Protein backbone atom coordinates (compact mmCIF):
# COMPACT_ATOMS: atom_id res chain seq x y z
CA MET A 1 43.41 86.60 30.98
CA THR A 2 39.59 87.28 30.73
CA ILE A 3 36.68 86.75 28.26
CA ASP A 4 34.11 89.42 28.78
CA LEU A 5 30.38 88.85 29.31
CA GLY A 6 28.68 88.25 25.96
CA VAL A 7 32.06 87.47 24.23
CA THR A 8 32.79 83.94 22.67
CA LEU A 9 36.31 82.98 22.46
CA THR A 10 36.83 79.98 20.09
CA ILE A 11 40.30 78.30 20.17
CA GLU A 12 41.60 76.66 17.27
CA PRO A 13 43.13 73.11 17.42
CA GLY A 14 46.63 72.68 18.18
CA THR A 15 46.83 76.24 20.45
CA ILE A 16 49.24 76.18 23.28
CA PHE A 17 48.62 78.21 26.39
CA LYS A 18 51.25 78.49 28.87
CA PHE A 19 50.38 80.38 31.86
CA GLU A 20 52.93 81.99 34.74
CA ASN A 21 52.50 81.81 38.44
CA GLY A 22 48.82 82.57 39.72
CA ALA A 23 47.69 83.31 35.98
CA THR A 24 44.00 82.30 35.33
CA LEU A 25 41.89 81.94 32.30
CA ASN A 26 38.67 83.70 33.33
CA ALA A 27 35.76 83.09 31.20
CA ASN A 28 32.63 85.20 31.57
CA GLY A 29 31.33 84.73 28.38
CA THR A 30 31.34 81.69 26.17
CA LEU A 31 34.32 79.17 25.76
CA ALA A 32 34.43 77.07 22.59
CA ALA A 33 37.95 75.16 22.49
CA GLN A 34 37.70 71.99 20.16
CA GLY A 35 40.78 70.25 19.30
CA ASN A 36 41.12 67.03 17.68
CA ALA A 37 43.17 63.82 18.05
CA ALA A 38 46.10 64.82 16.25
CA ASN A 39 46.16 68.61 17.35
CA PRO A 40 44.82 68.68 21.14
CA ILE A 41 44.55 72.57 22.88
CA ILE A 42 47.06 72.71 25.53
CA PHE A 43 46.40 74.69 28.97
CA THR A 44 49.62 74.31 30.89
CA SER A 45 52.15 75.55 33.05
CA TYR A 46 54.99 77.87 31.72
CA LYS A 47 57.37 75.43 32.90
CA ASP A 48 56.16 72.64 30.88
CA ASP A 49 58.83 72.04 28.19
CA ARG A 50 56.91 69.47 26.49
CA TYR A 51 54.62 71.92 24.60
CA GLY A 52 56.07 74.73 22.76
CA GLY A 53 59.83 74.44 24.01
CA ASP A 54 61.45 76.00 26.88
CA THR A 55 58.91 78.98 27.42
CA ASN A 56 60.97 80.53 30.44
CA GLY A 57 64.41 79.85 29.05
CA ASP A 58 66.05 77.81 31.92
CA GLY A 59 66.70 74.74 30.11
CA ASN A 60 66.01 71.74 32.57
CA THR A 61 66.34 73.70 35.92
CA SER A 62 62.46 73.78 36.52
CA ILE A 63 59.68 71.18 35.99
CA PRO A 64 56.13 71.64 36.06
CA ASP A 65 54.26 71.07 39.25
CA ARG A 66 50.62 71.31 40.75
CA GLY A 67 49.56 74.64 41.22
CA ASP A 68 51.65 76.63 38.84
CA TRP A 69 48.83 78.26 37.42
CA GLY A 70 44.94 78.95 38.57
CA GLY A 71 43.19 76.86 35.99
CA ILE A 72 40.17 77.77 33.83
CA ALA A 73 37.62 79.79 35.75
CA ILE A 74 34.19 80.00 34.26
CA THR A 75 31.50 82.28 35.58
CA ILE A 76 28.13 82.02 34.03
CA GLY A 77 26.48 85.56 33.51
CA PRO A 78 23.05 86.61 33.04
CA SER A 79 23.03 85.76 29.41
CA ASN A 80 23.74 81.96 30.53
CA GLY A 81 26.63 80.25 29.17
CA THR A 82 27.85 77.47 26.96
CA VAL A 83 31.35 75.93 27.66
CA THR A 84 32.75 73.13 25.40
CA LEU A 85 36.12 71.49 25.63
CA ASN A 86 37.12 68.81 23.15
CA TYR A 87 40.29 67.34 22.98
CA CYS A 88 42.18 69.77 25.62
CA HIS A 89 45.05 68.96 27.74
CA ILE A 90 44.58 70.97 31.26
CA GLU A 91 47.30 70.37 33.41
CA PHE A 92 49.23 71.71 36.56
CA GLY A 93 46.78 74.50 37.87
CA THR A 94 45.14 74.77 41.05
CA ILE A 95 41.64 73.69 39.74
CA GLY A 96 41.68 72.36 36.21
CA ILE A 97 38.23 73.74 35.35
CA SER A 98 35.84 75.64 37.71
CA ILE A 99 32.52 76.63 36.88
CA SER A 100 29.96 78.71 38.97
CA SER A 101 26.72 79.82 38.27
CA ASN A 102 24.14 81.79 40.51
CA GLY A 103 20.51 81.68 39.07
CA ASN A 104 21.59 81.26 35.41
CA SER A 105 21.85 78.36 32.99
CA ALA A 106 24.77 76.74 31.78
CA THR A 107 25.65 73.96 29.56
CA LEU A 108 28.63 72.24 29.84
CA THR A 109 30.56 69.68 27.28
CA LEU A 110 33.50 67.92 27.97
CA THR A 111 34.72 65.23 25.70
CA ASP A 112 38.10 63.52 25.31
CA ASN A 113 40.01 65.78 27.48
CA ILE A 114 43.10 65.15 29.55
CA ILE A 115 42.53 66.88 32.89
CA ARG A 116 45.60 65.93 35.38
CA GLN A 117 47.92 67.15 37.82
CA HIS A 118 46.06 69.98 39.70
CA SER A 119 46.80 70.79 43.55
CA ALA A 120 42.90 70.86 43.89
CA ASP A 121 40.11 69.38 42.20
CA GLY A 122 40.25 68.31 38.57
CA ILE A 123 36.82 69.74 37.59
CA SER A 124 34.52 71.81 40.21
CA ILE A 125 31.07 72.78 39.28
CA ASP A 126 28.98 75.05 41.61
CA GLY A 127 25.24 75.99 40.87
CA ARG A 128 23.14 77.95 43.24
CA GLY A 129 20.39 80.47 43.35
CA GLY A 130 18.16 78.78 40.99
CA ALA A 131 21.01 77.78 38.41
CA SER A 132 20.52 74.94 35.98
CA ILE A 133 23.39 73.33 35.02
CA SER A 134 23.55 70.72 32.17
CA VAL A 135 26.72 68.52 31.80
CA ASP A 136 27.94 65.91 29.34
CA ILE A 137 31.30 64.73 30.40
CA SER A 138 32.43 61.86 28.29
CA ASN A 139 35.68 60.11 27.36
CA ASN A 140 37.71 62.22 29.60
CA GLN A 141 40.79 61.37 31.71
CA VAL A 142 40.36 62.90 35.10
CA LYS A 143 43.51 61.79 37.05
CA GLU A 144 46.50 62.54 39.55
CA ASN A 145 44.76 65.62 41.03
CA GLY A 146 45.46 66.81 44.46
CA GLY A 147 41.76 67.10 45.53
CA LYS A 148 38.41 65.43 44.02
CA GLY A 149 38.35 64.23 40.43
CA ILE A 150 35.03 65.88 39.82
CA HIS A 151 33.11 67.99 42.30
CA PHE A 152 29.69 68.93 41.86
CA TYR A 153 27.89 71.47 44.41
CA THR A 154 24.32 72.56 44.17
CA GLN A 155 22.50 74.49 46.67
CA ASP A 156 19.07 76.25 46.88
CA LEU A 157 15.45 75.49 45.97
CA SER A 158 14.86 75.15 42.10
CA SER A 159 18.97 74.74 41.47
CA GLN A 160 19.44 71.81 39.47
CA LEU A 161 22.16 69.64 37.98
CA SER A 162 21.60 67.10 35.23
CA GLY A 163 23.22 65.19 32.61
CA GLN A 164 25.66 62.49 32.55
CA ILE A 165 29.41 61.38 33.07
CA SER A 166 30.35 58.42 30.61
CA GLY A 167 33.21 56.36 29.24
CA SER A 168 35.64 58.43 31.48
CA ILE A 169 38.76 57.26 33.64
CA ILE A 170 38.74 59.17 36.88
CA ALA A 171 41.74 57.61 38.59
CA HIS A 172 44.69 58.23 41.49
CA ASN A 173 42.90 61.77 42.71
CA GLU A 174 43.74 62.30 46.33
CA GLY A 175 39.96 63.09 47.28
CA TYR A 176 36.91 61.17 45.98
CA GLY A 177 36.68 60.47 42.21
CA ILE A 178 33.20 61.96 41.94
CA PHE A 179 31.71 63.88 44.85
CA VAL A 180 28.26 65.44 44.67
CA ASP A 181 26.85 67.87 47.30
CA THR A 182 23.32 68.73 47.26
CA TYR A 183 21.96 71.31 49.66
CA SER A 184 18.76 72.98 50.58
CA SER A 185 16.28 71.32 48.31
CA ALA A 186 18.65 71.56 45.20
CA LEU A 187 18.04 68.50 42.49
CA CYS A 188 20.52 66.21 40.93
CA GLU A 189 19.87 63.82 38.05
CA LEU A 190 23.01 62.69 37.02
CA ASP A 191 23.67 59.30 35.12
CA LEU A 192 27.22 57.58 35.50
CA ILE A 193 27.80 55.11 32.60
CA ASP A 194 30.71 52.89 31.80
CA ASN A 195 33.36 54.75 33.61
CA THR A 196 36.85 53.52 35.36
């Protein structure tokens, strides 16, 4: 499933996405998924009967597992990009959310989400070639992932990462909770506030 460059996909509260093996939500445009406490937006495995019933029609034979689908993969294009995820449950993928930018600007807002049970990282952000990435990661639960909870990578002169992680629970991941790599004169100004 691909969102083309220049296209905005707005997802309504209560929407449920269930992905089969290897499927990925690829966003080359703008993604706005804004649920609410009563009606979160769900991104999960097609084996996950908790949401939308027994989609694969096998009763209790299968259960969801890490890596059942690819995750949400966002590539920031030349028009720059905005990603907003509020009150989303993102579960059982390879990487929960991955964002990559080569020389472009991106604004990422993640608030009140549950990002759990992925086979690799919960959140992975990669900026290089002069990319400018601003993040607001607030009040999320990033836990029980097979890799790092949150992984930032910035590379090359004039690439920069800025913003904050606040009020979040980052726990029981098999890699580091928060891991920041900066190489080749890249800049990082990241505030960590009131997290567990």
